[in-house]
N, C-alpha and C. Protein backbone atom coordinates (compact mmCIF):
# COMPACT_ATOMS: atom_id res chain seq x y z
N MET A 1 168.99 187.84 93.20
CA MET A 1 169.28 188.81 94.23
C MET A 1 168.20 188.72 95.31
N PRO A 2 168.59 188.63 96.57
CA PRO A 2 167.58 188.50 97.62
C PRO A 2 166.80 189.80 97.82
N LYS A 3 165.56 189.64 98.25
CA LYS A 3 164.71 190.80 98.50
C LYS A 3 165.02 191.37 99.88
N ARG A 4 164.88 192.69 100.00
CA ARG A 4 165.12 193.34 101.28
C ARG A 4 163.98 193.05 102.24
N ILE A 5 164.33 192.87 103.51
CA ILE A 5 163.35 192.66 104.57
C ILE A 5 163.61 193.72 105.63
N MET A 6 162.55 194.40 106.06
CA MET A 6 162.66 195.44 107.09
C MET A 6 161.63 195.18 108.17
N GLN A 7 161.92 195.71 109.34
CA GLN A 7 161.00 195.59 110.47
C GLN A 7 160.63 196.98 110.94
N GLY A 8 159.34 197.18 111.22
CA GLY A 8 158.89 198.48 111.65
C GLY A 8 157.56 198.39 112.38
N THR A 9 157.02 199.57 112.68
CA THR A 9 155.78 199.68 113.43
C THR A 9 154.68 200.22 112.52
N VAL A 10 153.50 199.65 112.64
CA VAL A 10 152.36 200.12 111.85
C VAL A 10 151.90 201.45 112.43
N VAL A 11 151.86 202.50 111.59
CA VAL A 11 151.42 203.82 112.05
C VAL A 11 150.05 204.19 111.49
N SER A 12 149.59 203.46 110.46
CA SER A 12 148.27 203.72 109.91
C SER A 12 147.74 202.45 109.27
N ASP A 13 146.43 202.21 109.46
CA ASP A 13 145.79 201.06 108.83
C ASP A 13 144.44 201.45 108.23
N HIS A 14 144.34 202.69 107.77
CA HIS A 14 143.06 203.19 107.27
C HIS A 14 142.70 202.65 105.89
N GLY A 15 143.71 202.41 105.05
CA GLY A 15 143.42 201.94 103.69
C GLY A 15 142.98 200.49 103.67
N ASP A 16 142.24 200.13 102.62
CA ASP A 16 141.81 198.75 102.45
C ASP A 16 142.98 197.94 101.91
N LYS A 17 143.38 196.90 102.64
CA LYS A 17 144.50 196.02 102.28
C LYS A 17 145.83 196.77 102.24
N THR A 18 145.92 197.90 102.94
CA THR A 18 147.15 198.69 102.95
C THR A 18 147.44 199.16 104.37
N ILE A 19 148.70 199.06 104.76
CA ILE A 19 149.15 199.64 106.03
C ILE A 19 150.37 200.50 105.75
N VAL A 20 150.62 201.46 106.64
CA VAL A 20 151.81 202.29 106.55
C VAL A 20 152.72 201.87 107.69
N VAL A 21 153.96 201.50 107.33
CA VAL A 21 154.93 201.00 108.30
C VAL A 21 156.06 202.00 108.42
N GLN A 22 156.38 202.38 109.66
CA GLN A 22 157.49 203.30 109.90
C GLN A 22 158.70 202.48 110.34
N VAL A 23 159.78 202.57 109.55
CA VAL A 23 161.01 201.84 109.83
C VAL A 23 162.03 202.84 110.35
N GLU A 24 162.60 202.53 111.51
CA GLU A 24 163.57 203.42 112.13
C GLU A 24 164.96 202.80 112.09
N ARG A 25 165.95 203.59 111.72
CA ARG A 25 167.32 203.10 111.75
C ARG A 25 168.15 204.04 112.61
N ARG A 26 169.15 203.48 113.26
CA ARG A 26 170.02 204.25 114.15
C ARG A 26 171.45 204.09 113.66
N PHE A 27 172.18 205.20 113.64
CA PHE A 27 173.57 205.15 113.19
C PHE A 27 174.36 206.26 113.90
N LYS A 28 175.64 206.13 113.88
CA LYS A 28 176.51 207.11 114.50
C LYS A 28 176.83 208.20 113.49
N HIS A 29 176.58 209.45 113.85
CA HIS A 29 176.85 210.56 112.96
C HIS A 29 178.36 210.72 112.80
N PRO A 30 178.84 210.85 111.56
CA PRO A 30 180.29 210.87 111.37
C PRO A 30 181.00 212.09 111.96
N LEU A 31 180.32 213.22 112.03
CA LEU A 31 180.96 214.44 112.54
C LEU A 31 180.63 214.67 114.02
N LEU A 32 179.39 214.48 114.39
CA LEU A 32 178.96 214.76 115.76
C LEU A 32 179.26 213.62 116.73
N ASN A 33 179.51 212.42 116.21
CA ASN A 33 179.77 211.24 117.04
C ASN A 33 178.63 210.96 118.03
N LYS A 34 177.41 211.22 117.58
CA LYS A 34 176.22 210.92 118.38
C LYS A 34 175.40 209.87 117.64
N ILE A 35 174.59 209.13 118.38
CA ILE A 35 173.66 208.19 117.77
C ILE A 35 172.46 208.98 117.27
N VAL A 36 172.18 208.86 115.97
CA VAL A 36 171.10 209.60 115.34
C VAL A 36 170.03 208.61 114.89
N ARG A 37 168.77 208.99 115.08
CA ARG A 37 167.65 208.15 114.63
C ARG A 37 167.02 208.78 113.40
N LYS A 38 166.85 207.97 112.37
CA LYS A 38 166.15 208.41 111.17
C LYS A 38 165.04 207.40 110.91
N SER A 39 163.91 207.89 110.43
CA SER A 39 162.80 206.99 110.15
C SER A 39 162.25 207.28 108.77
N LYS A 40 161.66 206.26 108.19
CA LYS A 40 161.04 206.36 106.87
C LYS A 40 159.77 205.53 106.88
N ARG A 41 158.79 206.00 106.14
CA ARG A 41 157.50 205.33 106.09
C ARG A 41 157.33 204.62 104.75
N PHE A 42 156.84 203.38 104.81
CA PHE A 42 156.60 202.57 103.63
C PHE A 42 155.15 202.12 103.62
N MET A 43 154.54 202.13 102.44
CA MET A 43 153.21 201.56 102.29
C MET A 43 153.36 200.09 101.96
N ALA A 44 152.64 199.24 102.66
CA ALA A 44 152.77 197.79 102.49
C ALA A 44 151.40 197.16 102.27
N HIS A 45 151.39 196.10 101.48
CA HIS A 45 150.16 195.37 101.17
C HIS A 45 149.86 194.38 102.29
N ASP A 46 148.66 194.47 102.84
CA ASP A 46 148.21 193.57 103.90
C ASP A 46 146.91 192.93 103.41
N GLU A 47 147.03 191.74 102.82
CA GLU A 47 145.91 191.11 102.11
C GLU A 47 144.67 190.92 102.98
N ASN A 48 144.84 190.51 104.23
CA ASN A 48 143.69 190.18 105.08
C ASN A 48 143.34 191.27 106.09
N ASN A 49 143.93 192.44 105.98
CA ASN A 49 143.73 193.52 106.96
C ASN A 49 143.95 193.00 108.38
N ALA A 50 145.00 192.21 108.56
CA ALA A 50 145.23 191.53 109.84
C ALA A 50 145.97 192.40 110.84
N HIS A 51 146.68 193.42 110.40
CA HIS A 51 147.54 194.19 111.30
C HIS A 51 146.90 195.54 111.62
N LYS A 52 147.04 195.92 112.88
CA LYS A 52 146.45 197.17 113.36
C LYS A 52 147.54 198.13 113.79
N LYS A 53 147.15 199.35 114.06
CA LYS A 53 148.09 200.40 114.46
C LYS A 53 148.82 199.99 115.74
N GLY A 54 150.15 200.15 115.74
CA GLY A 54 150.96 199.80 116.89
C GLY A 54 151.62 198.44 116.80
N ASP A 55 151.20 197.60 115.86
CA ASP A 55 151.81 196.28 115.69
C ASP A 55 153.22 196.41 115.11
N THR A 56 154.08 195.48 115.47
CA THR A 56 155.40 195.38 114.87
C THR A 56 155.34 194.32 113.78
N VAL A 57 155.72 194.70 112.56
CA VAL A 57 155.62 193.80 111.41
C VAL A 57 156.93 193.79 110.64
N ARG A 58 157.09 192.73 109.84
CA ARG A 58 158.22 192.65 108.91
C ARG A 58 157.67 192.76 107.51
N ILE A 59 158.32 193.58 106.67
CA ILE A 59 157.87 193.77 105.30
C ILE A 59 158.99 193.36 104.35
N VAL A 60 158.58 192.94 103.15
CA VAL A 60 159.53 192.45 102.16
C VAL A 60 159.18 193.11 100.82
N GLU A 61 160.20 193.34 100.00
CA GLU A 61 159.99 193.92 98.68
C GLU A 61 159.14 192.99 97.82
N CYS A 62 158.35 193.58 96.93
CA CYS A 62 157.51 192.78 96.04
C CYS A 62 157.24 193.58 94.77
N ARG A 63 156.41 193.02 93.93
CA ARG A 63 156.02 193.73 92.71
C ARG A 63 155.18 194.95 93.09
N PRO A 64 155.12 195.96 92.23
CA PRO A 64 154.31 197.14 92.55
C PRO A 64 152.81 196.81 92.57
N TYR A 65 152.17 197.10 93.68
CA TYR A 65 150.71 196.96 93.77
C TYR A 65 150.03 198.25 93.33
N SER A 66 150.71 199.38 93.53
CA SER A 66 150.19 200.67 93.10
C SER A 66 151.39 201.61 92.95
N LYS A 67 151.13 202.89 92.81
CA LYS A 67 152.21 203.86 92.57
C LYS A 67 153.24 203.87 93.70
N ARG A 68 152.79 203.83 94.95
CA ARG A 68 153.69 203.93 96.10
C ARG A 68 153.81 202.64 96.90
N LYS A 69 153.03 201.63 96.56
CA LYS A 69 152.99 200.41 97.37
C LYS A 69 153.77 199.30 96.68
N THR A 70 155.04 199.11 97.10
CA THR A 70 155.89 198.07 96.53
C THR A 70 156.45 197.14 97.60
N TRP A 71 155.78 197.09 98.73
CA TRP A 71 156.16 196.22 99.84
C TRP A 71 154.94 195.41 100.25
N GLU A 72 155.18 194.24 100.87
CA GLU A 72 154.09 193.46 101.42
C GLU A 72 154.49 192.90 102.76
N VAL A 73 153.50 192.62 103.60
CA VAL A 73 153.75 192.09 104.93
C VAL A 73 154.25 190.67 104.81
N LEU A 74 155.33 190.39 105.51
CA LEU A 74 155.91 189.05 105.50
C LEU A 74 155.18 188.21 106.54
N THR A 75 154.52 187.15 106.09
CA THR A 75 153.79 186.28 107.01
C THR A 75 154.61 185.01 107.23
N ASP A 76 154.87 184.71 108.47
CA ASP A 76 155.61 183.50 108.83
C ASP A 76 154.61 182.40 109.12
N GLU A 77 154.44 181.47 108.17
CA GLU A 77 153.47 180.39 108.35
C GLU A 77 153.89 179.44 109.48
N ALA A 78 155.20 179.33 109.72
CA ALA A 78 155.68 178.42 110.76
C ALA A 78 155.24 178.87 112.14
N SER A 79 155.24 180.21 112.37
CA SER A 79 154.88 180.71 113.70
C SER A 79 153.37 180.87 113.86
N ALA A 80 152.63 180.91 112.77
CA ALA A 80 151.20 181.11 112.85
C ALA A 80 150.43 179.84 113.06
């Protein structure tokens, strides 16, 4: 089964090797027929502390690093 990949914005980088990524999704409300924005925050593992607040990153599911940290930053070696 393929792992989920999400894209979001870094909202916190205070932890060591940890960033908090806010992922926003937009959908049409079934009753109101308006576009609604919902966001969720994920803790992600950043091995080299390379990403700072405001960066746009892609995260992928991984093994649990801690109680709440089950995502890691997806690094594209081809573009780097």
